[in-house]
Amino acid sequence: MSEEEKEVSETSASPAEEGQETPAATPSPARDYAPPKVLVAEDNKVVRKGLTNFLVKWGYTPVEAETGDEAMKAIEENPDMRLAILDWNLPGLSGMQVCQRIRTRPGDYIYIIMFSARKSAQEQIMALDGGADDYLTKPSKPSILRARLGVGRRIIETALGRS
């Protein structure tokens, strides 16, 4: 198992990483609550499963895609999806191409986290300039991903007037 897979699929996470009492995933009792959908576009099955497991523990509904084309189809089929985690190196459409297509399509805003093993500052800038809202380098601590999803969720809920 690669270091990337160990980080994402680790089972000895702290209580905060396990999703216990996480503010990002706690619904407000004053509104109707449906768990937010998160697109998980990752071609590595082990990493995708690890991400999906954490998302469920944190109170999200993951929507999985193995390729860039599947990611775009998932977005079309889930108009209420507002968060996305995209691997840069997807088969078919790359994560960057998916990101750019999301930004040029009509519809509500989707907060995009580019999740990639690419570590150079130049590539991170390219992703952010290309439409990503955040960039997380693999491997990553689950607690960092949880916190960044919480930021995206706050921004989306504020923009939609749901805070």
Protein backbone atom coordinates (compact mmCIF):
# COMPACT_ATOMS: atom_id res chain seq x y z
CA MET A 1 0.00 0.00 0.00
CA SER A 2 1.40 3.41 -0.95
CA GLU A 3 1.84 6.23 1.56
CA GLU A 4 -1.05 8.03 -0.18
CA GLU A 5 -3.37 5.10 0.45
CA LYS A 6 -2.22 4.76 4.09
CA GLU A 7 -2.97 8.42 4.81
CA VAL A 8 -6.44 8.39 3.27
CA SER A 9 -7.47 4.92 4.43
CA GLU A 10 -5.87 4.95 7.88
CA THR A 11 -8.01 3.38 10.55
CA SER A 12 -6.33 4.82 13.64
CA ALA A 13 -7.58 8.36 13.15
CA SER A 14 -8.16 10.66 16.10
CA PRO A 15 -11.75 11.28 17.27
CA ALA A 16 -11.79 14.57 15.34
CA GLU A 17 -10.64 12.79 12.18
CA GLU A 18 -13.23 10.07 12.72
CA GLY A 19 -15.93 12.72 12.52
CA GLN A 20 -17.09 12.80 16.11
CA GLU A 21 -18.69 16.14 16.89
CA THR A 22 -17.37 17.84 13.76
CA PRO A 23 -18.83 21.31 13.22
CA ALA A 24 -18.59 20.95 9.44
CA ALA A 25 -20.96 18.00 9.43
CA THR A 26 -23.36 19.02 12.20
CA PRO A 27 -26.75 20.08 10.83
CA SER A 28 -28.48 23.19 12.10
CA PRO A 29 -31.73 22.24 13.85
CA ALA A 30 -33.37 25.39 12.47
CA ARG A 31 -33.48 24.10 8.86
CA ASP A 32 -34.31 21.02 6.90
CA TYR A 33 -31.21 18.89 6.63
CA ALA A 34 -30.03 16.71 3.81
CA PRO A 35 -26.43 15.53 3.99
CA PRO A 36 -24.40 17.53 1.46
CA LYS A 37 -23.30 15.60 -1.61
CA VAL A 38 -19.58 15.54 -2.39
CA LEU A 39 -18.21 14.42 -5.74
CA VAL A 40 -15.19 12.15 -5.23
CA ALA A 41 -13.39 11.91 -8.57
CA GLU A 42 -10.42 9.60 -8.01
CA ASP A 43 -9.17 6.78 -10.23
CA ASN A 44 -7.34 4.89 -7.46
CA LYS A 45 -9.99 2.59 -5.98
CA VAL A 46 -8.32 2.33 -2.56
CA VAL A 47 -7.95 6.11 -2.21
CA ARG A 48 -11.51 6.68 -3.46
CA LYS A 49 -12.88 4.16 -0.94
CA GLY A 50 -10.88 5.78 1.88
CA LEU A 51 -12.21 9.22 0.96
CA THR A 52 -15.74 7.87 0.72
CA ASN A 53 -15.53 6.18 4.12
CA PHE A 54 -14.37 9.40 5.79
CA LEU A 55 -17.03 11.47 4.04
CA VAL A 56 -19.79 9.17 5.30
CA LYS A 57 -18.40 9.35 8.86
CA TRP A 58 -18.35 13.15 8.61
CA GLY A 59 -22.00 13.35 7.54
CA TYR A 60 -21.62 13.83 3.79
CA THR A 61 -23.08 11.83 0.92
CA PRO A 62 -20.26 10.85 -1.45
CA VAL A 63 -20.88 10.49 -5.17
CA GLU A 64 -18.04 8.49 -6.70
CA ALA A 65 -16.44 8.83 -10.12
CA GLU A 66 -13.46 6.91 -11.46
CA THR A 67 -12.89 9.02 -14.58
CA GLY A 68 -13.28 12.63 -15.60
CA ASP A 69 -16.16 11.71 -17.88
CA GLU A 70 -17.95 9.96 -15.00
CA ALA A 71 -17.35 13.06 -12.86
CA MET A 72 -19.09 15.31 -15.39
CA LYS A 73 -21.98 12.85 -15.68
CA ALA A 74 -22.32 12.77 -11.87
CA ILE A 75 -22.50 16.58 -11.79
CA GLU A 76 -25.22 16.59 -14.46
CA GLU A 77 -27.19 13.92 -12.56
CA ASN A 78 -26.83 15.64 -9.17
CA PRO A 79 -27.77 19.31 -9.60
CA ASP A 80 -27.73 19.76 -5.81
CA MET A 81 -24.03 18.81 -5.51
CA ARG A 82 -22.02 21.78 -4.20
CA LEU A 83 -18.68 20.21 -3.17
CA ALA A 84 -16.13 18.28 -5.22
CA ILE A 85 -12.81 16.56 -4.60
CA LEU A 86 -10.97 16.09 -7.89
CA ASP A 87 -7.81 14.11 -8.54
CA TRP A 88 -5.70 15.90 -11.16
CA ASN A 89 -4.70 12.69 -12.99
CA LEU A 90 -8.04 11.18 -13.95
CA PRO A 91 -8.45 8.93 -17.01
CA GLY A 92 -10.34 10.60 -19.86
CA LEU A 93 -10.93 14.20 -18.87
CA SER A 94 -8.27 15.26 -16.38
CA GLY A 95 -9.23 16.78 -13.04
CA MET A 96 -8.17 20.17 -14.41
CA GLN A 97 -10.42 19.74 -17.44
CA VAL A 98 -13.33 18.73 -15.20
CA CYS A 99 -12.65 21.79 -13.03
CA GLN A 100 -12.66 24.10 -16.05
CA ARG A 101 -15.86 22.56 -17.42
CA ILE A 102 -17.56 22.96 -14.06
CA ARG A 103 -16.60 26.65 -14.07
CA THR A 104 -18.01 27.28 -17.56
CA ARG A 105 -21.31 25.42 -17.11
CA PRO A 106 -24.51 27.15 -16.04
CA GLY A 107 -25.86 26.33 -12.62
CA ASP A 108 -25.04 26.78 -8.97
CA TYR A 109 -21.48 27.10 -7.74
CA ILE A 110 -19.50 23.98 -6.82
CA TYR A 111 -16.62 24.37 -4.37
CA ILE A 112 -13.70 22.38 -5.80
CA ILE A 113 -10.78 20.90 -3.91
CA MET A 114 -8.03 19.67 -6.24
CA PHE A 115 -6.55 16.60 -4.51
CA SER A 116 -3.28 15.69 -6.17
CA ALA A 117 0.16 14.21 -5.68
CA ARG A 118 1.55 17.14 -7.69
CA LYS A 119 3.47 19.17 -5.15
CA SER A 120 5.10 22.05 -7.00
CA ALA A 121 3.97 25.58 -6.28
CA GLN A 122 3.60 26.17 -10.02
CA GLU A 123 1.10 23.30 -10.36
CA GLN A 124 -0.85 24.42 -7.31
CA ILE A 125 -1.08 27.93 -8.78
CA MET A 126 -2.15 26.46 -12.13
CA ALA A 127 -4.98 24.55 -10.41
CA LEU A 128 -6.17 27.59 -8.46
CA ASP A 129 -5.94 29.84 -11.52
CA GLY A 130 -7.77 27.14 -13.49
CA GLY A 131 -10.80 27.30 -11.22
CA ALA A 132 -10.06 25.18 -8.13
CA ASP A 133 -11.00 26.79 -4.82
CA ASP A 134 -8.46 24.85 -2.80
CA TYR A 135 -5.55 22.49 -3.34
CA LEU A 136 -4.62 19.57 -1.13
CA THR A 137 -1.48 17.52 -1.73
CA LYS A 138 -1.56 13.73 -1.40
CA PRO A 139 -1.00 12.17 1.01
CA SER A 140 -2.99 14.30 3.40
CA LYS A 141 -4.27 13.99 6.94
CA PRO A 142 -8.01 13.32 6.96
CA SER A 143 -8.52 16.12 9.50
CA ILE A 144 -7.13 18.65 7.00
CA LEU A 145 -9.51 17.47 4.29
CA ARG A 146 -12.42 17.60 6.76
CA ALA A 147 -11.54 21.17 7.71
CA ARG A 148 -11.24 22.29 4.09
CA LEU A 149 -14.57 20.69 3.20
CA GLY A 150 -16.04 22.60 6.15
CA VAL A 151 -14.71 25.85 4.69
CA GLY A 152 -16.27 25.03 1.33
CA ARG A 153 -19.54 24.13 2.95
CA ARG A 154 -19.62 27.39 4.95
CA ILE A 155 -18.96 29.41 1.81
CA ILE A 156 -21.64 27.59 -0.20
CA GLU A 157 -24.24 27.79 2.57
CA THR A 158 -23.53 31.49 3.08
CA ALA A 159 -23.86 32.14 -0.64
CA LEU A 160 -27.16 30.25 -0.72
CA GLY A 161 -28.42 32.07 2.39
CA ARG A 162 -28.60 28.90 4.50
CA SER A 163 -26.30 29.86 7.36
